[in-house]
């Protein structure tokens, strides 16, 4: 029995890797999506709006299966059109990271867009008046305040993203949920292994909540003093 628990712990490291890389992808897509929605360009606004509307309206599991199985079929069909007989299988790790990142990029888009809209526009106009470029204004004026406004919804998205990593077990990635299922099937003791896995997820989310709460306090220092 102990061997199964150690195996699940090893899979937990893979879960952390998937979560962090997917978070990075979602942040990049979220920033790009927010920039597109706020750009004023009709085409970019339409693309970003379509992205957030479609992704938030489809279950995560369906998107995961579409990317993994549909992507594999699509790639191999394109290869066949070139006359090659080679077959390509999508790596479950990268499929999981990209799919989860793509899904939660839609949620991050709305979080970042709302945070940027919460910043008084006069601050950015003042920065431009002092000769700052748009990139410099974003880095020095917009981004620090955006973090403070976005952190509450960012925290919720991150917690849901961590739990969504359990879905990658369905495409064959041997993370802790997959290994817990294998262990329960081998020993016919599903309660013990799934309870252990649930405890690991709870540890992740608890540590994340603590760290993000401290980060929120750090970025809210000035606002708290101003409120007093």
C-alpha atoms as a PDB file:
ATOM      1  CA  UNK A   1       0.000   0.000   0.000  1.00  0.00           C
ATOM      2  CA  UNK A   2       2.811   2.431   0.837  1.00  0.00           C
ATOM      3  CA  UNK A   3       4.180   2.067  -2.675  1.00  0.00           C
ATOM      4  CA  UNK A   4       0.941   3.392  -4.103  1.00  0.00           C
ATOM      5  CA  UNK A   5       1.042   6.406  -1.811  1.00  0.00           C
ATOM      6  CA  UNK A   6       4.607   7.234  -2.867  1.00  0.00           C
ATOM      7  CA  UNK A   7       3.537   6.868  -6.486  1.00  0.00           C
ATOM      8  CA  UNK A   8       0.694   9.356  -5.943  1.00  0.00           C
ATOM      9  CA  UNK A   9       3.119  11.768  -4.265  1.00  0.00           C
ATOM     10  CA  UNK A  10       5.364  11.534  -7.334  1.00  0.00           C
ATOM     11  CA  UNK A  11       2.355  12.258  -9.507  1.00  0.00           C
ATOM     12  CA  UNK A  12       1.594  15.266  -7.321  1.00  0.00           C
ATOM     13  CA  UNK A  13       4.803  16.890  -8.560  1.00  0.00           C
ATOM     14  CA  UNK A  14       3.567  16.454 -12.114  1.00  0.00           C
ATOM     15  CA  UNK A  15       0.276  18.065 -11.098  1.00  0.00           C
ATOM     16  CA  UNK A  16       2.177  21.085  -9.785  1.00  0.00           C
ATOM     17  CA  UNK A  17       4.135  21.307 -13.039  1.00  0.00           C
ATOM     18  CA  UNK A  18       0.976  21.191 -15.150  1.00  0.00           C
ATOM     19  CA  UNK A  19      -0.691  23.807 -12.928  1.00  0.00           C
ATOM     20  CA  UNK A  20       2.177  26.309 -13.013  1.00  0.00           C
ATOM     21  CA  UNK A  21       2.819  26.031 -16.749  1.00  0.00           C
ATOM     22  CA  UNK A  22      -0.901  26.263 -17.501  1.00  0.00           C
ATOM     23  CA  UNK A  23      -1.064  29.346 -15.271  1.00  0.00           C
ATOM     24  CA  UNK A  24       1.745  30.949 -17.259  1.00  0.00           C
ATOM     25  CA  UNK A  25      -0.086  30.255 -20.528  1.00  0.00           C
ATOM     26  CA  UNK A  26      -3.346  31.630 -19.112  1.00  0.00           C
ATOM     27  CA  UNK A  27      -1.662  34.838 -17.885  1.00  0.00           C
ATOM     28  CA  UNK A  28      -0.115  35.493 -21.298  1.00  0.00           C
ATOM     29  CA  UNK A  29      -3.411  34.831 -23.077  1.00  0.00           C
ATOM     30  CA  UNK A  30      -5.274  36.874 -20.464  1.00  0.00           C
ATOM     31  CA  UNK A  31      -3.043  39.908 -20.987  1.00  0.00           C
ATOM     32  CA  UNK A  32      -3.312  39.602 -24.768  1.00  0.00           C
ATOM     33  CA  UNK A  33      -7.076  39.142 -24.572  1.00  0.00           C
ATOM     34  CA  UNK A  34      -7.529  42.119 -22.254  1.00  0.00           C
ATOM     35  CA  UNK A  35      -5.344  44.280 -24.490  1.00  0.00           C
ATOM     36  CA  UNK A  36      -7.385  43.212 -27.516  1.00  0.00           C
ATOM     37  CA  UNK A  37     -10.694  43.985 -25.817  1.00  0.00           C
ATOM     38  CA  UNK A  38      -9.497  47.412 -24.730  1.00  0.00           C
ATOM     39  CA  UNK A  39      -7.725  48.237 -27.989  1.00  0.00           C
ATOM     40  CA  UNK A  40     -10.743  49.783 -29.687  1.00  0.00           C
ATOM     41  CA  UNK A  41      -9.924  47.807 -32.850  1.00  0.00           C
ATOM     42  CA  UNK A  42     -13.176  46.169 -33.979  1.00  0.00           C
ATOM     43  CA  UNK A  43     -11.490  43.040 -35.335  1.00  0.00           C
ATOM     44  CA  UNK A  44      -9.395  42.458 -32.203  1.00  0.00           C
ATOM     45  CA  UNK A  45     -12.374  43.153 -29.954  1.00  0.00           C
ATOM     46  CA  UNK A  46     -14.496  40.673 -31.921  1.00  0.00           C
ATOM     47  CA  UNK A  47     -11.807  37.954 -31.766  1.00  0.00           C
ATOM     48  CA  UNK A  48     -11.230  38.412 -28.025  1.00  0.00           C
ATOM     49  CA  UNK A  49     -14.959  38.546 -27.307  1.00  0.00           C
ATOM     50  CA  UNK A  50     -15.550  35.391 -29.341  1.00  0.00           C
ATOM     51  CA  UNK A  51     -12.711  33.646 -27.511  1.00  0.00           C
ATOM     52  CA  UNK A  52     -13.980  34.457 -24.012  1.00  0.00           C
ATOM     53  CA  UNK A  53     -17.626  33.784 -24.894  1.00  0.00           C
ATOM     54  CA  UNK A  54     -17.043  30.404 -26.525  1.00  0.00           C
ATOM     55  CA  UNK A  55     -14.509  29.060 -24.035  1.00  0.00           C
ATOM     56  CA  UNK A  56     -16.498  30.092 -20.959  1.00  0.00           C
ATOM     57  CA  UNK A  57     -19.594  28.471 -22.458  1.00  0.00           C
ATOM     58  CA  UNK A  58     -18.076  25.027 -23.088  1.00  0.00           C
ATOM     59  CA  UNK A  59     -17.252  22.506 -20.323  1.00  0.00           C
ATOM     60  CA  UNK A  60     -13.535  22.146 -19.620  1.00  0.00           C
ATOM     61  CA  UNK A  61     -13.684  18.393 -20.217  1.00  0.00           C
ATOM     62  CA  UNK A  62     -15.143  18.840 -23.699  1.00  0.00           C
ATOM     63  CA  UNK A  63     -12.420  21.317 -24.655  1.00  0.00           C
ATOM     64  CA  UNK A  64      -9.761  18.962 -23.280  1.00  0.00           C
ATOM     65  CA  UNK A  65     -11.018  16.033 -25.350  1.00  0.00           C
ATOM     66  CA  UNK A  66     -11.422  18.190 -28.452  1.00  0.00           C
ATOM     67  CA  UNK A  67      -7.841  19.429 -28.251  1.00  0.00           C
ATOM     68  CA  UNK A  68      -6.300  16.054 -27.466  1.00  0.00           C
ATOM     69  CA  UNK A  69      -8.244  13.764 -29.775  1.00  0.00           C
ATOM     70  CA  UNK A  70      -9.342  16.334 -32.337  1.00  0.00           C
ATOM     71  CA  UNK A  71      -5.851  17.811 -32.486  1.00  0.00           C
ATOM     72  CA  UNK A  72      -4.303  14.393 -33.039  1.00  0.00           C
ATOM     73  CA  UNK A  73      -6.731  13.567 -35.843  1.00  0.00           C
ATOM     74  CA  UNK A  74      -6.260  16.989 -37.451  1.00  0.00           C
ATOM     75  CA  UNK A  75      -2.455  16.821 -37.386  1.00  0.00           C
ATOM     76  CA  UNK A  76      -2.354  13.319 -38.819  1.00  0.00           C
ATOM     77  CA  UNK A  77      -4.819  14.285 -41.546  1.00  0.00           C
ATOM     78  CA  UNK A  78      -2.579  17.187 -42.557  1.00  0.00           C
ATOM     79  CA  UNK A  79       0.425  14.854 -42.607  1.00  0.00           C
ATOM     80  CA  UNK A  80      -1.480  12.420 -44.833  1.00  0.00           C
ATOM     81  CA  UNK A  81      -2.218  15.239 -47.269  1.00  0.00           C
ATOM     82  CA  UNK A  82       1.521  15.743 -47.692  1.00  0.00           C
ATOM     83  CA  UNK A  83       1.848  12.099 -48.715  1.00  0.00           C
ATOM     84  CA  UNK A  84       3.604  10.967 -45.554  1.00  0.00           C
ATOM     85  CA  UNK A  85       2.582   7.845 -43.643  1.00  0.00           C
ATOM     86  CA  UNK A  86       4.052   9.031 -40.344  1.00  0.00           C
ATOM     87  CA  UNK A  87       1.695   9.103 -37.359  1.00  0.00           C
ATOM     88  CA  UNK A  88       1.907  11.731 -34.594  1.00  0.00           C
ATOM     89  CA  UNK A  89       0.539  11.396 -31.075  1.00  0.00           C
ATOM     90  CA  UNK A  90       0.089  14.563 -29.030  1.00  0.00           C
ATOM     91  CA  UNK A  91       1.967  14.453 -25.736  1.00  0.00           C
ATOM     92  CA  UNK A  92      -0.619  14.373 -22.890  1.00  0.00           C
ATOM     93  CA  UNK A  93       1.508  16.720 -20.742  1.00  0.00           C
ATOM     94  CA  UNK A  94       1.685  19.476 -23.355  1.00  0.00           C
ATOM     95  CA  UNK A  95      -1.925  18.880 -24.396  1.00  0.00           C
ATOM     96  CA  UNK A  96      -3.011  19.298 -20.774  1.00  0.00           C
ATOM     97  CA  UNK A  97      -0.893  22.415 -20.188  1.00  0.00           C
ATOM     98  CA  UNK A  98      -1.984  24.146 -23.386  1.00  0.00           C
ATOM     99  CA  UNK A  99      -5.648  23.209 -23.023  1.00  0.00           C
ATOM    100  CA  UNK A 100      -5.982  24.286 -19.396  1.00  0.00           C
ATOM    101  CA  UNK A 101      -3.994  27.436 -20.122  1.00  0.00           C
ATOM    102  CA  UNK A 102      -6.186  28.174 -23.137  1.00  0.00           C
ATOM    103  CA  UNK A 103      -9.372  27.663 -21.106  1.00  0.00           C
ATOM    104  CA  UNK A 104      -8.366  29.813 -18.163  1.00  0.00           C
ATOM    105  CA  UNK A 105      -6.852  32.438 -20.424  1.00  0.00           C
ATOM    106  CA  UNK A 106     -10.460  33.378 -21.187  1.00  0.00           C
ATOM    107  CA  UNK A 107     -11.207  33.894 -17.503  1.00  0.00           C
ATOM    108  CA  UNK A 108      -7.952  35.782 -16.960  1.00  0.00           C
ATOM    109  CA  UNK A 109      -8.883  38.039 -19.872  1.00  0.00           C
ATOM    110  CA  UNK A 110     -11.972  39.238 -18.056  1.00  0.00           C
ATOM    111  CA  UNK A 111     -10.091  39.553 -14.755  1.00  0.00           C
ATOM    112  CA  UNK A 112      -7.355  41.704 -16.281  1.00  0.00           C
ATOM    113  CA  UNK A 113      -9.777  43.752 -18.374  1.00  0.00           C
ATOM    114  CA  UNK A 114     -11.889  44.567 -15.325  1.00  0.00           C
ATOM    115  CA  UNK A 115      -8.786  45.438 -13.303  1.00  0.00           C
ATOM    116  CA  UNK A 116      -7.476  47.816 -15.962  1.00  0.00           C
ATOM    117  CA  UNK A 117     -10.864  49.509 -16.255  1.00  0.00           C
ATOM    118  CA  UNK A 118     -10.808  50.080 -12.481  1.00  0.00           C
ATOM    119  CA  UNK A 119      -7.707  52.278 -12.799  1.00  0.00           C
ATOM    120  CA  UNK A 120      -8.560  55.971 -13.276  1.00  0.00           C
ATOM    121  CA  UNK A 121      -7.862  56.826 -16.900  1.00  0.00           C
ATOM    122  CA  UNK A 122      -6.434  60.165 -15.840  1.00  0.00           C
ATOM    123  CA  UNK A 123      -3.344  58.432 -14.446  1.00  0.00           C
ATOM    124  CA  UNK A 124      -2.450  56.980 -17.820  1.00  0.00           C
ATOM    125  CA  UNK A 125      -3.179  60.274 -19.559  1.00  0.00           C
ATOM    126  CA  UNK A 126      -0.887  62.036 -17.086  1.00  0.00           C
ATOM    127  CA  UNK A 127       1.874  59.531 -17.823  1.00  0.00           C
ATOM    128  CA  UNK A 128       1.499  60.141 -21.557  1.00  0.00           C
ATOM    129  CA  UNK A 129       1.615  63.882 -20.929  1.00  0.00           C
ATOM    130  CA  UNK A 130       4.972  63.410 -19.162  1.00  0.00           C
ATOM    131  CA  UNK A 131       6.302  61.685 -22.259  1.00  0.00           C
ATOM    132  CA  UNK A 132       5.960  58.027 -21.250  1.00  0.00           C
ATOM    133  CA  UNK A 133       5.271  55.559 -24.015  1.00  0.00           C
ATOM    134  CA  UNK A 134       2.416  53.081 -23.813  1.00  0.00           C
ATOM    135  CA  UNK A 135       4.680  50.189 -22.777  1.00  0.00           C
ATOM    136  CA  UNK A 136       6.417  52.278 -20.112  1.00  0.00           C
ATOM    137  CA  UNK A 137       3.047  53.482 -18.850  1.00  0.00           C
ATOM    138  CA  UNK A 138       1.791  49.920 -18.585  1.00  0.00           C
ATOM    139  CA  UNK A 139       4.886  48.687 -16.714  1.00  0.00           C
ATOM    140  CA  UNK A 140       5.193  51.608 -14.296  1.00  0.00           C
ATOM    141  CA  UNK A 141       1.603  52.821 -13.858  1.00  0.00           C
ATOM    142  CA  UNK A 142      -0.964  50.288 -15.021  1.00  0.00           C
ATOM    143  CA  UNK A 143       0.533  46.892 -14.114  1.00  0.00           C
ATOM    144  CA  UNK A 144       1.175  47.500 -10.372  1.00  0.00           C
ATOM    145  CA  UNK A 145      -2.371  48.753  -9.853  1.00  0.00           C
ATOM    146  CA  UNK A 146      -3.836  46.101 -12.125  1.00  0.00           C
ATOM    147  CA  UNK A 147      -2.319  43.407  -9.906  1.00  0.00           C
ATOM    148  CA  UNK A 148      -4.118  44.782  -6.854  1.00  0.00           C
ATOM    149  CA  UNK A 149      -7.488  44.967  -8.593  1.00  0.00           C
ATOM    150  CA  UNK A 150      -7.098  41.607 -10.343  1.00  0.00           C
ATOM    151  CA  UNK A 151      -5.835  39.547  -7.393  1.00  0.00           C
ATOM    152  CA  UNK A 152      -9.254  38.532  -5.952  1.00  0.00           C
ATOM    153  CA  UNK A 153     -10.544  37.106  -9.244  1.00  0.00           C
ATOM    154  CA  UNK A 154      -7.052  35.841 -10.134  1.00  0.00           C
ATOM    155  CA  UNK A 155      -7.045  33.860  -6.888  1.00  0.00           C
ATOM    156  CA  UNK A 156     -10.393  32.243  -7.720  1.00  0.00           C
ATOM    157  CA  UNK A 157      -9.214  31.376 -11.233  1.00  0.00           C
ATOM    158  CA  UNK A 158      -5.993  29.864  -9.919  1.00  0.00           C
ATOM    159  CA  UNK A 159      -7.791  27.686  -7.371  1.00  0.00           C
ATOM    160  CA  UNK A 160     -10.178  26.371 -10.018  1.00  0.00           C
ATOM    161  CA  UNK A 161      -7.271  25.841 -12.426  1.00  0.00           C
ATOM    162  CA  UNK A 162      -5.445  23.675  -9.877  1.00  0.00           C
ATOM    163  CA  UNK A 163      -8.496  21.455  -9.475  1.00  0.00           C
ATOM    164  CA  UNK A 164      -9.012  21.321 -13.246  1.00  0.00           C
ATOM    165  CA  UNK A 165      -5.666  19.553 -13.625  1.00  0.00           C
ATOM    166  CA  UNK A 166      -7.470  16.385 -12.530  1.00  0.00           C
ATOM    167  CA  UNK A 167      -9.016  16.352 -16.015  1.00  0.00           C
ATOM    168  CA  UNK A 168      -5.678  15.526 -17.642  1.00  0.00           C
ATOM    169  CA  UNK A 169      -5.952  12.060 -16.091  1.00  0.00           C
ATOM    170  CA  UNK A 170      -8.593  11.331 -18.739  1.00  0.00           C
ATOM    171  CA  UNK A 171      -6.075  11.768 -21.565  1.00  0.00           C
ATOM    172  CA  UNK A 172      -3.518   9.411 -20.014  1.00  0.00           C
ATOM    173  CA  UNK A 173      -1.223  11.781 -18.119  1.00  0.00           C
ATOM    174  CA  UNK A 174      -0.023   9.980 -15.000  1.00  0.00           C
ATOM    175  CA  UNK A 175      -0.563  12.751 -12.471  1.00  0.00           C
ATOM    176  CA  UNK A 176      -1.875  12.061  -8.980  1.00  0.00           C
ATOM    177  CA  UNK A 177      -5.558  11.635  -9.904  1.00  0.00           C
ATOM    178  CA  UNK A 178      -4.674   9.095 -12.587  1.00  0.00           C
ATOM    179  CA  UNK A 179      -2.386   7.216 -10.185  1.00  0.00           C
ATOM    180  CA  UNK A 180      -5.021   7.269  -7.435  1.00  0.00           C
ATOM    181  CA  UNK A 181      -7.480   5.701  -9.848  1.00  0.00           C
ATOM    182  CA  UNK A 182      -4.947   3.027 -10.808  1.00  0.00           C
ATOM    183  CA  UNK A 183      -4.168   2.302  -7.153  1.00  0.00           C
ATOM    184  CA  UNK A 184      -7.829   2.060  -6.195  1.00  0.00           C
ATOM    185  CA  UNK A 185      -8.479  -0.349  -9.067  1.00  0.00           C
ATOM    186  CA  UNK A 186      -5.542  -2.546  -8.052  1.00  0.00           C
ATOM    187  CA  UNK A 187      -6.348  -2.655  -4.340  1.00  0.00           C
ATOM    188  CA  UNK A 188     -10.116  -2.132  -4.420  1.00  0.00           C
ATOM    189  CA  UNK A 189      -9.684   0.610  -1.825  1.00  0.00           C
ATOM    190  CA  UNK A 190     -10.829   3.734  -3.682  1.00  0.00           C
ATOM    191  CA  UNK A 191     -11.774   5.693  -0.578  1.00  0.00           C
ATOM    192  CA  UNK A 192      -8.263   5.700   0.918  1.00  0.00           C
ATOM    193  CA  UNK A 193      -6.438   6.759  -2.252  1.00  0.00           C
ATOM    194  CA  UNK A 194      -8.931   9.342  -3.437  1.00  0.00           C
ATOM    195  CA  UNK A 195      -9.124  10.802   0.070  1.00  0.00           C
ATOM    196  CA  UNK A 196      -5.329  11.058   0.059  1.00  0.00           C
ATOM    197  CA  UNK A 197      -5.439  12.797  -3.327  1.00  0.00           C
ATOM    198  CA  UNK A 198      -8.130  15.177  -2.107  1.00  0.00           C
ATOM    199  CA  UNK A 199      -5.904  16.020   0.848  1.00  0.00           C
ATOM    200  CA  UNK A 200      -3.024  16.875  -1.489  1.00  0.00           C
ATOM    201  CA  UNK A 201      -5.263  19.180  -3.515  1.00  0.00           C
ATOM    202  CA  UNK A 202      -6.388  20.797  -0.267  1.00  0.00           C
ATOM    203  CA  UNK A 203      -2.748  21.402   0.704  1.00  0.00           C
ATOM    204  CA  UNK A 204      -2.092  23.060  -2.658  1.00  0.00           C
ATOM    205  CA  UNK A 205      -5.096  25.334  -2.426  1.00  0.00           C
ATOM    206  CA  UNK A 206      -4.412  26.241   1.217  1.00  0.00           C
ATOM    207  CA  UNK A 207      -0.805  27.194   0.496  1.00  0.00           C
ATOM    208  CA  UNK A 208      -1.931  29.137  -2.574  1.00  0.00           C
ATOM    209  CA  UNK A 209      -4.551  31.040  -0.593  1.00  0.00           C
ATOM    210  CA  UNK A 210      -2.007  31.975   2.063  1.00  0.00           C
ATOM    211  CA  UNK A 211       0.577  33.155  -0.486  1.00  0.00           C
ATOM    212  CA  UNK A 212      -1.931  35.130  -2.555  1.00  0.00           C
ATOM    213  CA  UNK A 213      -3.436  36.689   0.571  1.00  0.00           C
ATOM    214  CA  UNK A 214       0.021  37.940   1.562  1.00  0.00           C
ATOM    215  CA  UNK A 215       0.562  39.232  -1.955  1.00  0.00           C
ATOM    216  CA  UNK A 216      -2.771  41.026  -1.851  1.00  0.00           C
ATOM    217  CA  UNK A 217      -1.817  42.649   1.445  1.00  0.00           C
ATOM    218  CA  UNK A 218       1.479  43.786  -0.094  1.00  0.00           C
ATOM    219  CA  UNK A 219      -0.164  45.422  -3.095  1.00  0.00           C
ATOM    220  CA  UNK A 220      -2.948  46.940  -0.981  1.00  0.00           C
ATOM    221  CA  UNK A 221      -0.699  48.757   1.490  1.00  0.00           C
ATOM    222  CA  UNK A 222      -1.068  52.161  -0.120  1.00  0.00           C
ATOM    223  CA  UNK A 223      -4.813  51.779  -0.571  1.00  0.00           C
ATOM    224  CA  UNK A 224      -5.293  50.824   3.057  1.00  0.00           C
ATOM    225  CA  UNK A 225      -3.345  53.842   4.282  1.00  0.00           C
ATOM    226  CA  UNK A 226      -5.306  56.086   1.954  1.00  0.00           C
ATOM    227  CA  UNK A 227      -8.580  54.673   3.263  1.00  0.00           C
ATOM    228  CA  UNK A 228      -7.613  55.457   6.832  1.00  0.00           C
END
